[in-house]
């Protein structure tokens, strides 16, 4: 073997590398040169039959040749890989200047929209938002709210009880958001002014009831609040929410274990022709329950009823949404029907505000 042999082999292999039209052809060149039966591999196998001095010199030349061909193969392969990647990217390119397709537009669920509207109205009155757990214990859901042991009112909500805990504690899915009132009064120092939106659970299902639904409650605790403040606050809310400036309201005596006195609030409406219309039309519609916080509730929260007093009210989110937006069936709120959501949904970035408009 001579230097001319390695030089000629180098030229042939480099020419083959340069002439490969694709990755498959290049791999054939690699196998023909460096594979188990390749030309360079074959020459290296013959080194054992050569004299020591000649083997050393020729082995060095073959190693240089092997590295050179391997480098050429690698460089050529990178070129093929880059070309393949560019071709693949070209088929998956996205023109970001194209307008968004109308069918890709998302909407805000009416429940979320209504919660935002309620928060916007009460936010201007100085209310903050409070939150609490969906799984409650008996104390926060019943006892602290003036439901005595064995009282039938504990079962009147068709409560969804959980299996007893290891410690014997009785847990349940909260039947109202009122337990958050208890948690707030036990942890915050008066004056307190909060609204409490959230999920509640009762074992019922028809056009106007579902096992899971949403409520919002409001709570005010200080030293001077009275029933007239309650009426003014709720009257301002319903007039702003329904967009009827002179909407008439009335309060009827009622009973709730956690308020005394208690009342139900009605708003003016019309039912002529089987169509419900909010406004001063001579008829009435019950909208929410309210009252002054019961002294026993204040005591259970560690507040002195001789010093503090306040009011509370609660309403169903789905109910006021149905009244405002003409949604006939409560169950449709939870059926995940995109056609329904596109019809009743709201633009996600149009944040409700009293000054800019609650609905846009």
Protein backbone atom coordinates (compact mmCIF):
# COMPACT_ATOMS: atom_id res chain seq x y z
CA UNK A 1 0.00 0.00 0.00
CA UNK A 2 1.31 3.46 -0.92
CA UNK A 3 0.54 7.08 -0.31
CA UNK A 4 -0.88 7.23 -3.82
CA UNK A 5 -3.38 4.57 -2.79
CA UNK A 6 -4.72 6.58 0.15
CA UNK A 7 -4.77 9.81 -1.88
CA UNK A 8 -6.74 8.15 -4.67
CA UNK A 9 -9.12 6.59 -2.14
CA UNK A 10 -9.59 9.98 -0.46
CA UNK A 11 -10.53 11.62 -3.77
CA UNK A 12 -12.96 8.84 -4.65
CA UNK A 13 -14.70 8.87 -1.27
CA UNK A 14 -14.89 12.67 -1.03
CA UNK A 15 -16.35 12.75 -4.54
CA UNK A 16 -18.90 10.11 -3.50
CA UNK A 17 -19.82 12.14 -0.41
CA UNK A 18 -20.25 15.30 -2.46
CA UNK A 19 -22.27 13.47 -5.10
CA UNK A 20 -24.78 11.90 -2.69
CA UNK A 21 -28.24 13.22 -3.59
CA UNK A 22 -30.00 12.41 -0.31
CA UNK A 23 -29.49 10.99 3.16
CA UNK A 24 -30.01 7.42 2.00
CA UNK A 25 -27.31 7.72 -0.70
CA UNK A 26 -24.98 9.33 1.82
CA UNK A 27 -25.49 6.43 4.22
CA UNK A 28 -24.53 4.01 1.42
CA UNK A 29 -21.27 5.94 0.99
CA UNK A 30 -20.64 5.72 4.75
CA UNK A 31 -21.19 1.96 4.80
CA UNK A 32 -18.99 1.51 1.69
CA UNK A 33 -16.16 3.41 3.34
CA UNK A 34 -16.40 2.82 7.09
CA UNK A 35 -18.73 -0.15 7.47
CA UNK A 36 -17.58 -3.63 8.50
CA UNK A 37 -16.83 -4.44 4.86
CA UNK A 38 -15.92 -0.87 3.87
CA UNK A 39 -12.87 0.06 1.90
CA UNK A 40 -11.06 1.89 4.71
CA UNK A 41 -12.01 -0.83 7.18
CA UNK A 42 -10.58 -3.43 4.82
CA UNK A 43 -7.27 -1.60 4.53
CA UNK A 44 -7.02 -1.36 8.32
CA UNK A 45 -7.52 -5.12 8.55
CA UNK A 46 -4.51 -5.64 6.27
CA UNK A 47 -2.20 -3.76 8.61
CA UNK A 48 -1.49 -6.92 10.59
CA UNK A 49 0.40 -8.47 7.67
CA UNK A 50 2.78 -5.52 7.26
CA UNK A 51 6.20 -4.93 8.77
CA UNK A 52 6.14 -2.93 12.03
CA UNK A 53 7.61 0.27 10.59
CA UNK A 54 5.41 0.16 7.49
CA UNK A 55 2.34 -0.71 9.63
CA UNK A 56 2.92 2.31 11.84
CA UNK A 57 3.30 4.77 8.98
CA UNK A 58 0.44 3.42 6.91
CA UNK A 59 -1.84 3.14 9.98
CA UNK A 60 -1.36 6.84 10.68
CA UNK A 61 -2.35 7.69 7.11
CA UNK A 62 -5.45 5.52 7.33
CA UNK A 63 -6.49 7.13 10.63
CA UNK A 64 -6.16 10.58 9.07
CA UNK A 65 -8.15 9.40 6.06
CA UNK A 66 -10.82 7.84 8.27
CA UNK A 67 -11.25 11.05 10.31
CA UNK A 68 -11.39 13.18 7.16
CA UNK A 69 -14.05 11.01 5.51
CA UNK A 70 -16.06 10.84 8.76
CA UNK A 71 -15.98 14.64 9.04
CA UNK A 72 -17.09 15.02 5.43
CA UNK A 73 -19.93 12.56 5.98
CA UNK A 74 -21.05 14.38 9.12
CA UNK A 75 -20.99 17.79 7.44
CA UNK A 76 -22.95 16.48 4.47
CA UNK A 77 -25.47 14.79 6.80
CA UNK A 78 -26.03 18.06 8.69
CA UNK A 79 -26.83 19.70 5.39
CA UNK A 80 -29.44 17.06 4.57
CA UNK A 81 -30.91 17.31 8.10
CA UNK A 82 -31.18 21.09 7.88
CA UNK A 83 -32.87 20.87 4.48
CA UNK A 84 -35.34 18.28 5.78
CA UNK A 85 -36.13 20.43 8.82
CA UNK A 86 -36.71 23.52 6.70
CA UNK A 87 -39.01 21.57 4.39
CA UNK A 88 -40.96 20.26 7.39
CA UNK A 89 -41.26 23.71 8.94
CA UNK A 90 -42.43 25.14 5.64
CA UNK A 91 -45.42 22.80 5.70
CA UNK A 92 -46.30 23.81 9.29
CA UNK A 93 -45.79 27.55 9.11
CA UNK A 94 -48.40 29.81 10.68
CA UNK A 95 -49.14 33.26 9.35
CA UNK A 96 -49.65 35.26 12.54
CA UNK A 97 -50.99 38.17 10.51
CA UNK A 98 -54.11 36.19 9.59
CA UNK A 99 -57.27 37.20 11.51
CA UNK A 100 -58.64 34.86 14.17
CA UNK A 101 -61.31 32.55 12.80
CA UNK A 102 -64.75 33.42 14.22
CA UNK A 103 -65.37 29.84 15.37
CA UNK A 104 -62.31 30.03 17.65
CA UNK A 105 -63.75 32.92 19.68
CA UNK A 106 -64.41 32.03 23.31
CA UNK A 107 -67.22 33.37 25.50
CA UNK A 108 -67.74 33.92 29.20
CA UNK A 109 -70.35 31.76 30.93
CA UNK A 110 -73.46 33.65 32.18
CA UNK A 111 -72.74 32.52 35.75
CA UNK A 112 -69.27 34.04 35.64
CA UNK A 113 -70.66 37.18 34.00
CA UNK A 114 -73.37 37.54 36.67
CA UNK A 115 -70.83 37.11 39.47
CA UNK A 116 -68.72 39.86 37.91
CA UNK A 117 -71.76 42.13 37.66
CA UNK A 118 -72.71 41.53 41.31
CA UNK A 119 -69.13 42.18 42.42
CA UNK A 120 -69.00 45.40 40.38
CA UNK A 121 -72.19 46.76 41.98
CA UNK A 122 -71.36 45.88 45.57
CA UNK A 123 -67.73 46.86 45.03
CA UNK A 124 -68.83 50.48 44.61
CA UNK A 125 -70.65 50.19 47.94
CA UNK A 126 -67.41 49.24 49.67
CA UNK A 127 -67.88 45.45 49.83
CA UNK A 128 -64.95 43.04 49.59
CA UNK A 129 -65.09 39.41 48.39
CA UNK A 130 -64.77 36.57 50.93
CA UNK A 131 -64.36 32.86 50.21
CA UNK A 132 -64.43 29.55 52.05
CA UNK A 133 -64.35 25.74 51.58
CA UNK A 134 -67.09 23.79 49.80
CA UNK A 135 -66.81 20.93 52.33
CA UNK A 136 -68.00 22.14 55.71
CA UNK A 137 -68.52 20.80 59.22
CA UNK A 138 -71.74 20.84 61.20
CA UNK A 139 -70.69 23.80 63.33
CA UNK A 140 -70.11 26.28 60.50
CA UNK A 141 -73.01 25.11 58.33
CA UNK A 142 -75.66 24.73 61.07
CA UNK A 143 -74.78 25.23 64.74
CA UNK A 144 -73.15 28.65 64.48
CA UNK A 145 -76.04 29.78 62.27
CA UNK A 146 -78.53 29.14 65.09
CA UNK A 147 -79.75 25.71 63.95
CA UNK A 148 -80.11 23.86 67.30
CA UNK A 149 -79.40 20.09 67.47
CA UNK A 150 -82.35 18.08 66.17
CA UNK A 151 -83.95 21.10 64.53
CA UNK A 152 -85.84 20.04 61.38
CA UNK A 153 -84.30 22.93 59.49
CA UNK A 154 -81.03 20.99 59.44
CA UNK A 155 -82.59 18.55 56.99
CA UNK A 156 -84.88 20.88 55.06
CA UNK A 157 -82.21 21.56 52.44
CA UNK A 158 -81.78 17.89 51.46
CA UNK A 159 -78.20 18.08 52.67
CA UNK A 160 -75.52 16.01 50.96
CA UNK A 161 -73.62 14.47 53.89
CA UNK A 162 -70.23 12.80 53.48
CA UNK A 163 -69.10 9.60 55.18
CA UNK A 164 -68.05 10.22 58.81
CA UNK A 165 -64.39 11.08 59.25
CA UNK A 166 -62.01 8.94 61.33
CA UNK A 167 -62.49 11.30 64.26
CA UNK A 168 -66.28 10.98 64.02
CA UNK A 169 -66.71 14.50 62.68
CA UNK A 170 -69.73 14.97 60.42
CA UNK A 171 -68.84 16.73 57.18
CA UNK A 172 -71.12 17.81 54.34
CA UNK A 173 -71.24 19.79 51.12
CA UNK A 174 -72.29 23.26 52.21
CA UNK A 175 -75.98 23.96 51.65
CA UNK A 176 -75.43 27.73 51.45
CA UNK A 177 -72.54 30.18 51.46
CA UNK A 178 -73.49 31.35 54.98
CA UNK A 179 -70.66 29.32 56.62
CA UNK A 180 -68.27 31.84 55.09
CA UNK A 181 -70.10 34.53 57.08
CA UNK A 182 -69.24 32.60 60.23
CA UNK A 183 -65.61 32.15 59.24
CA UNK A 184 -65.34 35.85 58.37
CA UNK A 185 -66.85 37.03 61.66
CA UNK A 186 -64.57 34.70 63.61
CA UNK A 187 -61.38 35.90 61.92
CA UNK A 188 -61.99 39.54 60.93
CA UNK A 189 -62.50 42.47 63.24
CA UNK A 190 -65.58 44.66 62.63
CA UNK A 191 -66.50 46.71 60.72
CA UNK A 192 -67.11 43.94 58.17
CA UNK A 193 -68.57 44.43 54.71
CA UNK A 194 -68.22 41.43 52.39
CA UNK A 195 -69.99 39.56 49.61
CA UNK A 196 -69.61 35.79 49.34
CA UNK A 197 -70.12 34.24 45.89
CA UNK A 198 -69.66 30.50 45.50
CA UNK A 199 -71.01 27.01 44.87
CA UNK A 200 -73.61 25.36 47.10
CA UNK A 201 -75.08 21.85 47.09
CA UNK A 202 -78.52 20.35 47.72
CA UNK A 203 -80.08 17.07 46.64
CA UNK A 204 -82.62 18.35 44.11
CA UNK A 205 -82.99 18.44 40.31
CA UNK A 206 -85.67 19.99 38.08
CA UNK A 207 -86.23 23.09 35.91
CA UNK A 208 -85.50 25.41 38.83
CA UNK A 209 -83.18 23.25 40.99
CA UNK A 210 -79.86 21.48 40.46
CA UNK A 211 -77.66 19.51 42.92
CA UNK A 212 -74.96 22.15 42.54
CA UNK A 213 -75.75 25.83 42.10
CA UNK A 214 -74.31 29.23 42.95
CA UNK A 215 -75.23 31.78 45.58
CA UNK A 216 -73.99 35.18 46.61
CA UNK A 217 -74.46 36.49 50.13
CA UNK A 218 -73.64 39.83 51.65
CA UNK A 219 -72.75 40.54 55.25
CA UNK A 220 -72.36 43.84 57.09
CA UNK A 221 -71.30 43.97 60.74
CA UNK A 222 -70.68 47.20 62.67
CA UNK A 223 -72.18 49.15 65.58
CA UNK A 224 -74.83 51.22 63.76
CA UNK A 225 -76.23 49.26 60.78
CA UNK A 226 -80.00 48.79 60.84
CA UNK A 227 -82.88 47.54 58.70
CA UNK A 228 -83.10 50.78 56.72
CA UNK A 229 -79.49 50.34 55.60
CA UNK A 230 -80.34 46.81 54.48
CA UNK A 231 -83.29 48.02 52.43
CA UNK A 232 -81.36 50.86 50.80
CA UNK A 233 -78.44 48.58 49.90
CA UNK A 234 -80.60 45.89 48.32
CA UNK A 235 -82.86 48.37 46.55
CA UNK A 236 -79.84 50.03 44.96
CA UNK A 237 -78.52 46.65 43.91
CA UNK A 238 -81.65 45.41 42.11
CA UNK A 239 -82.18 48.75 40.36
CA UNK A 240 -78.61 48.78 39.08
CA UNK A 241 -78.48 45.08 38.20
CA UNK A 242 -81.75 45.04 36.23
CA UNK A 243 -81.22 48.51 34.79
CA UNK A 244 -84.56 49.90 36.03
CA UNK A 245 -83.94 53.18 37.86
CA UNK A 246 -87.29 53.39 39.67
CA UNK A 247 -87.82 49.65 40.24
CA UNK A 248 -90.25 49.17 43.11
CA UNK A 249 -89.41 46.81 45.97
CA UNK A 250 -91.20 45.49 49.01
CA UNK A 251 -90.15 43.50 52.07
CA UNK A 252 -92.37 40.78 53.54
CA UNK A 253 -91.81 39.25 57.03
CA UNK A 254 -90.26 35.79 56.86
CA UNK A 255 -88.24 33.38 58.98
CA UNK A 256 -84.61 32.30 58.80
CA UNK A 257 -82.80 30.79 61.82
CA UNK A 258 -79.78 33.06 61.35
CA UNK A 259 -81.56 36.46 61.07
CA UNK A 260 -84.05 38.33 63.26
CA UNK A 261 -86.07 40.11 62.01
CA UNK A 262 -86.10 38.27 58.68
CA UNK A 263 -87.67 39.29 55.38
CA UNK A 264 -88.10 38.29 51.77
CA UNK A 265 -87.63 40.97 49.16
CA UNK A 266 -89.92 41.31 46.14
CA UNK A 267 -89.42 43.40 43.00
CA UNK A 268 -92.00 44.74 40.58
CA UNK A 269 -92.78 42.71 37.48
CA UNK A 270 -95.38 41.77 34.90
CA UNK A 271 -96.55 38.30 33.84
CA UNK A 272 -98.95 39.35 31.10
CA UNK A 273 -99.16 36.99 28.16
CA UNK A 274 -97.06 34.41 29.99
CA UNK A 275 -93.96 36.62 29.68
CA UNK A 276 -92.06 37.82 32.76
CA UNK A 277 -90.89 41.43 32.58
CA UNK A 278 -89.02 43.24 35.37
CA UNK A 279 -90.39 46.71 36.15
CA UNK A 280 -93.21 48.60 37.79
CA UNK A 281 -96.11 46.74 36.22
CA UNK A 282 -98.33 45.96 39.20
CA UNK A 283 -97.18 42.43 40.03
CA UNK A 284 -94.48 41.11 42.39
CA UNK A 285 -91.64 38.59 42.20
CA UNK A 286 -89.67 37.23 45.17
CA UNK A 287 -85.95 37.78 44.56
CA UNK A 288 -83.99 37.12 47.78
CA UNK A 289 -84.02 36.55 51.53
CA UNK A 290 -82.47 38.89 54.09
CA UNK A 291 -82.57 40.16 57.67
CA UNK A 292 -80.61 41.44 60.63
CA UNK A 293 -77.97 39.01 61.88
CA UNK A 294 -79.37 37.02 64.82
CA UNK A 295 -77.75 37.77 68.21
CA UNK A 296 -77.08 34.05 68.70
CA UNK A 297 -75.01 34.03 65.50
CA UNK A 298 -72.97 36.97 66.74
CA UNK A 299 -72.38 35.18 70.06
CA UNK A 300 -71.27 31.98 68.28
CA UNK A 301 -68.66 34.04 66.44
CA UNK A 302 -67.35 35.70 69.58
CA UNK A 303 -69.02 39.10 68.98
CA UNK A 304 -71.00 40.93 71.64
CA UNK A 305 -74.58 41.50 70.35
CA UNK A 306 -74.88 44.42 72.78
CA UNK A 307 -72.14 46.17 70.80
CA UNK A 308 -72.34 44.84 67.26
CA UNK A 309 -75.18 44.34 64.84
CA UNK A 310 -75.53 43.97 61.10
CA UNK A 311 -77.47 42.50 58.23
CA UNK A 312 -77.16 39.61 55.80
CA UNK A 313 -78.85 38.71 52.51
CA UNK A 314 -78.53 35.94 49.97
CA UNK A 315 -79.68 35.19 46.44
CA UNK A 316 -79.17 32.56 43.77
CA UNK A 317 -76.78 33.51 40.97
CA UNK A 318 -78.56 31.32 38.42
CA UNK A 319 -81.93 32.76 39.45
CA UNK A 320 -81.03 36.41 38.90
CA UNK A 321 -79.20 35.48 35.67
CA UNK A 322 -82.31 33.69 34.39
CA UNK A 323 -84.47 36.71 35.23
CA UNK A 324 -82.17 39.22 33.56
CA UNK A 325 -81.22 37.26 30.45
CA UNK A 326 -84.42 35.29 29.84
CA UNK A 327 -82.96 31.80 30.39
CA UNK A 328 -85.93 29.45 30.92
CA UNK A 329 -84.32 26.28 32.33
CA UNK A 330 -81.75 26.17 35.14
CA UNK A 331 -80.36 22.81 33.99
CA UNK A 332 -79.02 24.29 30.74
CA UNK A 333 -76.40 26.21 32.74
CA UNK A 334 -74.52 22.94 33.30
CA UNK A 335 -75.07 20.96 30.09
CA UNK A 336 -71.90 22.23 28.32
CA UNK A 337 -73.80 22.90 25.08
CA UNK A 338 -71.61 25.16 22.93
CA UNK A 339 -74.64 26.41 21.00
CA UNK A 340 -76.24 27.55 24.26
CA UNK A 341 -73.02 29.17 25.43
CA UNK A 342 -72.53 31.02 22.13
CA UNK A 343 -76.06 32.35 22.44
CA UNK A 344 -75.98 33.38 26.11
CA UNK A 345 -72.22 33.88 26.56
CA UNK A 346 -70.37 37.19 26.91
CA UNK A 347 -67.14 38.57 25.47
CA UNK A 348 -64.39 37.53 27.88
CA UNK A 349 -62.56 40.89 27.87
CA UNK A 350 -65.62 43.10 28.40
CA UNK A 351 -65.32 43.46 32.16
CA UNK A 352 -68.62 44.58 33.76
CA UNK A 353 -68.60 47.92 35.56
CA UNK A 354 -71.30 50.23 36.84
CA UNK A 355 -69.83 53.20 34.97
CA UNK A 356 -69.01 51.40 31.72
CA UNK A 357 -72.02 49.09 31.65
CA UNK A 358 -72.79 45.74 33.26
CA UNK A 359 -73.53 44.04 29.94
CA UNK A 360 -72.03 44.96 26.58
